[in-house]
Amino acid sequence: MYVRMEVASDIASLAGRANAGDSAALDALIAELRPQVVQTARLVVGSGSWAAEDAAQEALLDISRGIGKLRDPSAVRTWALRIATRSALKVARRERLLRSQREDGVEELQASAPAEGREFALKQAFDRLPPRLRVTAVLRLQVGLSEAETAAVLGSSVGAVKSNLHDARKRLTKTLREAGYAPTVEQRKENRDDHE
């Protein structure tokens, strides 16, 4: 817990200096934020796509350009993830629209990826989520933000985050079940029942 607070303090300090026009601090801040911004964009848009990389780069540019408008340097992480989320959602919606316009989009996707394994099924399940549910699931389950932090990033209420996460989990479970993969919790229960 102490290390996390120290890291947050360092990022806030960098943000404050970058906000004041220190270009070296801005470079260091971008280097600190880049892994989470890129991870968020990849998970929301779909990893392995150029669109995800473009969304991440656009978000990093927006962070660099907008640092002077940041009012509270201690909120830089939430602010940066909000920018990354907006950029990724915009790209994810565009990509989803393009996919739906192609008649053979699903067949093309399946042909370009390995057709086996739980990891592939999980990736497909995430890719099929509507962007708003996907970004909520990514921020909560992959990035590890709390409900309050996720709500702040998305500009929504904690209740909306809980509802979106609940809906995302239901859809993920259904899609995984249809692909022949029971959720891990159910598999553990089945394994316990088999051993008893």
C-alpha atoms as a PDB file:
ATOM      1  CA  MET A   1       0.000   0.000   0.000  1.00  0.00           C
ATOM      2  CA  TYR A   2       2.800   2.414   0.864  1.00  0.00           C
ATOM      3  CA  VAL A   3       4.573   1.826  -2.489  1.00  0.00           C
ATOM      4  CA  ARG A   4       1.364   2.556  -4.437  1.00  0.00           C
ATOM      5  CA  MET A   5       0.916   5.885  -2.643  1.00  0.00           C
ATOM      6  CA  GLU A   6       4.553   6.794  -3.310  1.00  0.00           C
ATOM      7  CA  VAL A   7       4.164   5.983  -7.016  1.00  0.00           C
ATOM      8  CA  ALA A   8       0.941   8.018  -7.154  1.00  0.00           C
ATOM      9  CA  SER A   9       2.771  10.903  -5.468  1.00  0.00           C
ATOM     10  CA  ASP A  10       5.570  10.700  -8.057  1.00  0.00           C
ATOM     11  CA  ILE A  11       3.068  10.742 -10.928  1.00  0.00           C
ATOM     12  CA  ALA A  12       1.221  13.684  -9.366  1.00  0.00           C
ATOM     13  CA  SER A  13       4.521  15.536  -8.994  1.00  0.00           C
ATOM     14  CA  LEU A  14       5.399  14.870 -12.644  1.00  0.00           C
ATOM     15  CA  ALA A  15       1.917  15.996 -13.682  1.00  0.00           C
ATOM     16  CA  GLY A  16       2.269  19.223 -11.705  1.00  0.00           C
ATOM     17  CA  ARG A  17       5.618  20.007 -13.295  1.00  0.00           C
ATOM     18  CA  ALA A  18       4.371  19.046 -16.784  1.00  0.00           C
ATOM     19  CA  ASN A  19       1.292  21.220 -16.217  1.00  0.00           C
ATOM     20  CA  ALA A  20       3.639  24.125 -15.496  1.00  0.00           C
ATOM     21  CA  GLY A  21       5.425  23.608 -18.827  1.00  0.00           C
ATOM     22  CA  ASP A  22       8.363  21.336 -17.897  1.00  0.00           C
ATOM     23  CA  SER A  23       8.893  19.262 -21.075  1.00  0.00           C
ATOM     24  CA  ALA A  24      11.208  16.745 -19.360  1.00  0.00           C
ATOM     25  CA  ALA A  25       8.519  16.108 -16.741  1.00  0.00           C
ATOM     26  CA  LEU A  26       5.959  15.666 -19.525  1.00  0.00           C
ATOM     27  CA  ASP A  27       8.167  13.064 -21.220  1.00  0.00           C
ATOM     28  CA  ALA A  28       8.598  11.213 -17.930  1.00  0.00           C
ATOM     29  CA  LEU A  29       4.863  11.426 -17.211  1.00  0.00           C
ATOM     30  CA  ILE A  30       3.969  10.009 -20.631  1.00  0.00           C
ATOM     31  CA  ALA A  31       6.469   7.183 -20.065  1.00  0.00           C
ATOM     32  CA  GLU A  32       4.775   6.391 -16.726  1.00  0.00           C
ATOM     33  CA  LEU A  33       1.240   6.511 -18.145  1.00  0.00           C
ATOM     34  CA  ARG A  34       1.958   4.774 -21.471  1.00  0.00           C
ATOM     35  CA  PRO A  35       1.648   1.142 -20.270  1.00  0.00           C
ATOM     36  CA  GLN A  36      -1.846   1.618 -18.791  1.00  0.00           C
ATOM     37  CA  VAL A  37      -3.033   3.813 -21.669  1.00  0.00           C
ATOM     38  CA  VAL A  38      -1.838   1.273 -24.255  1.00  0.00           C
ATOM     39  CA  GLN A  39      -3.239  -1.675 -22.283  1.00  0.00           C
ATOM     40  CA  THR A  40      -6.614   0.037 -21.920  1.00  0.00           C
ATOM     41  CA  ALA A  41      -6.800   0.873 -25.632  1.00  0.00           C
ATOM     42  CA  ARG A  42      -5.791  -2.647 -26.651  1.00  0.00           C
ATOM     43  CA  LEU A  43      -8.302  -4.294 -24.366  1.00  0.00           C
ATOM     44  CA  VAL A  44     -11.172  -1.999 -25.368  1.00  0.00           C
ATOM     45  CA  VAL A  45     -10.533  -2.019 -29.131  1.00  0.00           C
ATOM     46  CA  GLY A  46      -9.071  -5.515 -29.369  1.00  0.00           C
ATOM     47  CA  SER A  47      -5.410  -6.346 -29.046  1.00  0.00           C
ATOM     48  CA  GLY A  48      -3.408  -7.111 -32.130  1.00  0.00           C
ATOM     49  CA  SER A  49      -5.124  -4.531 -34.294  1.00  0.00           C
ATOM     50  CA  TRP A  50      -3.685  -1.389 -35.792  1.00  0.00           C
ATOM     51  CA  ALA A  51      -6.825   0.410 -34.684  1.00  0.00           C
ATOM     52  CA  ALA A  52      -5.963  -0.279 -31.021  1.00  0.00           C
ATOM     53  CA  GLU A  53      -2.440   1.055 -31.495  1.00  0.00           C
ATOM     54  CA  ASP A  54      -3.833   4.143 -33.226  1.00  0.00           C
ATOM     55  CA  ALA A  55      -6.278   4.715 -30.358  1.00  0.00           C
ATOM     56  CA  ALA A  56      -3.446   4.461 -27.818  1.00  0.00           C
ATOM     57  CA  GLN A  57      -1.219   6.857 -29.740  1.00  0.00           C
ATOM     58  CA  GLU A  58      -4.077   9.328 -30.185  1.00  0.00           C
ATOM     59  CA  ALA A  59      -4.771   9.182 -26.442  1.00  0.00           C
ATOM     60  CA  LEU A  60      -1.106   9.792 -25.589  1.00  0.00           C
ATOM     61  CA  LEU A  61      -1.057  12.778 -27.937  1.00  0.00           C
ATOM     62  CA  ASP A  62      -4.241  14.142 -26.357  1.00  0.00           C
ATOM     63  CA  ILE A  63      -2.681  13.737 -22.908  1.00  0.00           C
ATOM     64  CA  SER A  64       0.445  15.609 -24.046  1.00  0.00           C
ATOM     65  CA  ARG A  65      -1.598  18.389 -25.620  1.00  0.00           C
ATOM     66  CA  GLY A  66      -4.048  18.698 -22.749  1.00  0.00           C
ATOM     67  CA  ILE A  67      -1.730  18.523 -19.742  1.00  0.00           C
ATOM     68  CA  GLY A  68      -1.868  22.297 -19.369  1.00  0.00           C
ATOM     69  CA  LYS A  69      -5.620  22.071 -18.726  1.00  0.00           C
ATOM     70  CA  LEU A  70      -5.300  19.495 -15.942  1.00  0.00           C
ATOM     71  CA  ARG A  71      -6.680  21.152 -12.814  1.00  0.00           C
ATOM     72  CA  ASP A  72      -5.706  18.549 -10.218  1.00  0.00           C
ATOM     73  CA  PRO A  73      -2.325  16.837 -10.767  1.00  0.00           C
ATOM     74  CA  SER A  74      -3.208  14.188  -8.170  1.00  0.00           C
ATOM     75  CA  ALA A  75      -6.027  13.005 -10.503  1.00  0.00           C
ATOM     76  CA  VAL A  76      -3.717  12.560 -13.506  1.00  0.00           C
ATOM     77  CA  ARG A  77      -4.169   8.763 -13.693  1.00  0.00           C
ATOM     78  CA  THR A  78      -7.966   9.004 -13.806  1.00  0.00           C
ATOM     79  CA  TRP A  79      -7.768  11.891 -16.264  1.00  0.00           C
ATOM     80  CA  ALA A  80      -5.383   9.978 -18.559  1.00  0.00           C
ATOM     81  CA  LEU A  81      -7.487   6.813 -18.473  1.00  0.00           C
ATOM     82  CA  ARG A  82     -10.590   8.876 -19.257  1.00  0.00           C
ATOM     83  CA  ILE A  83      -8.827  10.192 -22.372  1.00  0.00           C
ATOM     84  CA  ALA A  84      -7.638   6.683 -23.304  1.00  0.00           C
ATOM     85  CA  THR A  85     -11.131   5.284 -22.777  1.00  0.00           C
ATOM     86  CA  ARG A  86     -12.784   7.947 -24.946  1.00  0.00           C
ATOM     87  CA  SER A  87     -10.277   7.408 -27.721  1.00  0.00           C
ATOM     88  CA  ALA A  88     -10.613   3.618 -27.532  1.00  0.00           C
ATOM     89  CA  LEU A  89     -14.422   3.730 -27.405  1.00  0.00           C
ATOM     90  CA  LYS A  90     -14.526   5.959 -30.486  1.00  0.00           C
ATOM     91  CA  VAL A  91     -12.273   3.567 -32.388  1.00  0.00           C
ATOM     92  CA  ALA A  92     -14.076   0.465 -31.051  1.00  0.00           C
ATOM     93  CA  ARG A  93     -17.432   1.808 -32.212  1.00  0.00           C
ATOM     94  CA  ARG A  94     -16.023   2.610 -35.640  1.00  0.00           C
ATOM     95  CA  GLU A  95     -14.435  -0.840 -35.909  1.00  0.00           C
ATOM     96  CA  ARG A  96     -17.656  -2.519 -34.822  1.00  0.00           C
ATOM     97  CA  LEU A  97     -19.608  -0.615 -37.460  1.00  0.00           C
ATOM     98  CA  LEU A  98     -17.090  -1.554 -40.152  1.00  0.00           C
ATOM     99  CA  ARG A  99     -17.231  -5.205 -39.070  1.00  0.00           C
ATOM    100  CA  SER A 100     -21.002  -5.283 -39.190  1.00  0.00           C
ATOM    101  CA  GLN A 101     -20.970  -3.777 -42.686  1.00  0.00           C
ATOM    102  CA  ARG A 102     -18.804  -6.594 -43.991  1.00  0.00           C
ATOM    103  CA  GLU A 103     -20.823  -9.696 -44.702  1.00  0.00           C
ATOM    104  CA  ASP A 104     -17.926 -12.031 -44.141  1.00  0.00           C
ATOM    105  CA  GLY A 105     -16.451 -10.185 -41.127  1.00  0.00           C
ATOM    106  CA  VAL A 106     -16.862 -12.993 -38.623  1.00  0.00           C
ATOM    107  CA  GLU A 107     -15.531 -15.642 -41.018  1.00  0.00           C
ATOM    108  CA  GLU A 108     -12.536 -13.432 -41.797  1.00  0.00           C
ATOM    109  CA  LEU A 109     -11.829 -12.917 -38.090  1.00  0.00           C
ATOM    110  CA  GLN A 110     -12.037 -16.632 -37.360  1.00  0.00           C
ATOM    111  CA  ALA A 111      -9.772 -17.481 -40.299  1.00  0.00           C
ATOM    112  CA  SER A 112      -7.086 -15.033 -39.157  1.00  0.00           C
ATOM    113  CA  ALA A 113      -6.872 -16.326 -35.583  1.00  0.00           C
ATOM    114  CA  PRO A 114      -6.217 -19.738 -34.092  1.00  0.00           C
ATOM    115  CA  ALA A 115      -9.519 -21.575 -33.778  1.00  0.00           C
ATOM    116  CA  GLU A 116      -8.847 -23.261 -30.459  1.00  0.00           C
ATOM    117  CA  GLY A 117      -8.362 -22.599 -26.820  1.00  0.00           C
ATOM    118  CA  ARG A 118     -10.014 -20.914 -23.918  1.00  0.00           C
ATOM    119  CA  GLU A 119      -7.912 -17.752 -24.361  1.00  0.00           C
ATOM    120  CA  PHE A 120      -9.151 -17.312 -27.936  1.00  0.00           C
ATOM    121  CA  ALA A 121     -12.756 -17.903 -26.823  1.00  0.00           C
ATOM    122  CA  LEU A 122     -12.357 -15.294 -24.087  1.00  0.00           C
ATOM    123  CA  LYS A 123     -10.895 -12.781 -26.559  1.00  0.00           C
ATOM    124  CA  GLN A 124     -13.808 -13.357 -28.927  1.00  0.00           C
ATOM    125  CA  ALA A 125     -16.265 -12.984 -26.052  1.00  0.00           C
ATOM    126  CA  PHE A 126     -14.708  -9.641 -25.074  1.00  0.00           C
ATOM    127  CA  ASP A 127     -14.678  -8.510 -28.712  1.00  0.00           C
ATOM    128  CA  ARG A 128     -18.409  -9.199 -28.984  1.00  0.00           C
ATOM    129  CA  LEU A 129     -19.306  -7.015 -26.007  1.00  0.00           C
ATOM    130  CA  PRO A 130     -20.760  -3.609 -26.846  1.00  0.00           C
ATOM    131  CA  PRO A 131     -18.014  -0.982 -26.373  1.00  0.00           C
ATOM    132  CA  ARG A 132     -19.505   0.558 -23.193  1.00  0.00           C
ATOM    133  CA  LEU A 133     -19.732  -2.841 -21.462  1.00  0.00           C
ATOM    134  CA  ARG A 134     -16.291  -3.821 -22.741  1.00  0.00           C
ATOM    135  CA  VAL A 135     -14.619  -0.674 -21.411  1.00  0.00           C
ATOM    136  CA  THR A 136     -16.243  -1.153 -17.996  1.00  0.00           C
ATOM    137  CA  ALA A 137     -15.082  -4.778 -17.864  1.00  0.00           C
ATOM    138  CA  VAL A 138     -11.583  -3.814 -19.019  1.00  0.00           C
ATOM    139  CA  LEU A 139     -11.173  -1.061 -16.435  1.00  0.00           C
ATOM    140  CA  ARG A 140     -12.523  -3.198 -13.564  1.00  0.00           C
ATOM    141  CA  LEU A 141     -11.235  -6.677 -14.441  1.00  0.00           C
ATOM    142  CA  GLN A 142      -8.065  -6.030 -16.420  1.00  0.00           C
ATOM    143  CA  VAL A 143      -6.734  -2.627 -15.320  1.00  0.00           C
ATOM    144  CA  GLY A 144      -7.896  -3.224 -11.729  1.00  0.00           C
ATOM    145  CA  LEU A 145      -9.611   0.077 -11.021  1.00  0.00           C
ATOM    146  CA  SER A 146     -12.131   0.281  -8.190  1.00  0.00           C
ATOM    147  CA  GLU A 147     -15.796   0.939  -8.932  1.00  0.00           C
ATOM    148  CA  ALA A 148     -15.360   4.591  -7.929  1.00  0.00           C
ATOM    149  CA  GLU A 149     -12.244   5.009 -10.104  1.00  0.00           C
ATOM    150  CA  THR A 150     -14.002   3.355 -13.042  1.00  0.00           C
ATOM    151  CA  ALA A 151     -16.992   5.668 -12.592  1.00  0.00           C
ATOM    152  CA  ALA A 152     -14.643   8.675 -12.548  1.00  0.00           C
ATOM    153  CA  VAL A 153     -12.877   7.529 -15.730  1.00  0.00           C
ATOM    154  CA  LEU A 154     -16.175   6.912 -17.522  1.00  0.00           C
ATOM    155  CA  GLY A 155     -17.901   9.990 -16.135  1.00  0.00           C
ATOM    156  CA  SER A 156     -20.763   7.871 -14.800  1.00  0.00           C
ATOM    157  CA  SER A 157     -22.162   6.732 -11.479  1.00  0.00           C
ATOM    158  CA  VAL A 158     -20.910   3.792  -9.414  1.00  0.00           C
ATOM    159  CA  GLY A 159     -24.332   2.226  -9.940  1.00  0.00           C
ATOM    160  CA  ALA A 160     -23.904   2.401 -13.720  1.00  0.00           C
ATOM    161  CA  VAL A 161     -20.485   0.765 -13.395  1.00  0.00           C
ATOM    162  CA  LYS A 162     -21.957  -2.062 -11.310  1.00  0.00           C
ATOM    163  CA  SER A 163     -24.815  -2.532 -13.777  1.00  0.00           C
ATOM    164  CA  ASN A 164     -22.505  -2.502 -16.826  1.00  0.00           C
ATOM    165  CA  LEU A 165     -20.105  -4.951 -15.181  1.00  0.00           C
ATOM    166  CA  HIS A 166     -22.991  -7.258 -14.263  1.00  0.00           C
ATOM    167  CA  ASP A 167     -24.286  -7.170 -17.868  1.00  0.00           C
ATOM    168  CA  ALA A 168     -20.768  -7.710 -19.253  1.00  0.00           C
ATOM    169  CA  ARG A 169     -20.206 -10.737 -17.022  1.00  0.00           C
ATOM    170  CA  LYS A 170     -23.550 -12.246 -18.047  1.00  0.00           C
ATOM    171  CA  ARG A 171     -22.750 -11.803 -21.737  1.00  0.00           C
ATOM    172  CA  LEU A 172     -19.218 -13.132 -21.326  1.00  0.00           C
ATOM    173  CA  THR A 173     -20.526 -16.184 -19.473  1.00  0.00           C
ATOM    174  CA  LYS A 174     -23.148 -16.852 -22.145  1.00  0.00           C
ATOM    175  CA  THR A 175     -20.667 -16.481 -25.016  1.00  0.00           C
ATOM    176  CA  LEU A 176     -18.096 -18.713 -23.303  1.00  0.00           C
ATOM    177  CA  ARG A 177     -20.738 -21.314 -22.537  1.00  0.00           C
ATOM    178  CA  GLU A 178     -21.835 -21.300 -26.201  1.00  0.00           C
ATOM    179  CA  ALA A 179     -18.187 -21.800 -27.223  1.00  0.00           C
ATOM    180  CA  GLY A 180     -17.994 -24.832 -24.945  1.00  0.00           C
ATOM    181  CA  TYR A 181     -16.194 -23.223 -22.032  1.00  0.00           C
ATOM    182  CA  ALA A 182     -17.851 -23.039 -18.647  1.00  0.00           C
ATOM    183  CA  PRO A 183     -16.705 -20.134 -16.496  1.00  0.00           C
ATOM    184  CA  THR A 184     -13.811 -20.980 -14.160  1.00  0.00           C
ATOM    185  CA  VAL A 185     -15.994 -20.788 -11.025  1.00  0.00           C
ATOM    186  CA  GLU A 186     -18.367 -23.386 -12.465  1.00  0.00           C
ATOM    187  CA  GLN A 187     -15.421 -25.556 -13.537  1.00  0.00           C
ATOM    188  CA  ARG A 188     -13.985 -25.479 -10.005  1.00  0.00           C
ATOM    189  CA  LYS A 189     -17.370 -26.467  -8.584  1.00  0.00           C
ATOM    190  CA  GLU A 190     -17.687 -29.306 -11.111  1.00  0.00           C
ATOM    191  CA  ASN A 191     -14.155 -30.489 -10.257  1.00  0.00           C
ATOM    192  CA  ARG A 192     -14.979 -30.465  -6.526  1.00  0.00           C
ATOM    193  CA  ASP A 193     -18.185 -32.385  -7.173  1.00  0.00           C
ATOM    194  CA  ASP A 194     -16.243 -34.966  -9.237  1.00  0.00           C
ATOM    195  CA  HIS A 195     -13.725 -35.517  -6.418  1.00  0.00           C
ATOM    196  CA  GLU A 196     -16.331 -35.931  -3.693  1.00  0.00           C
END
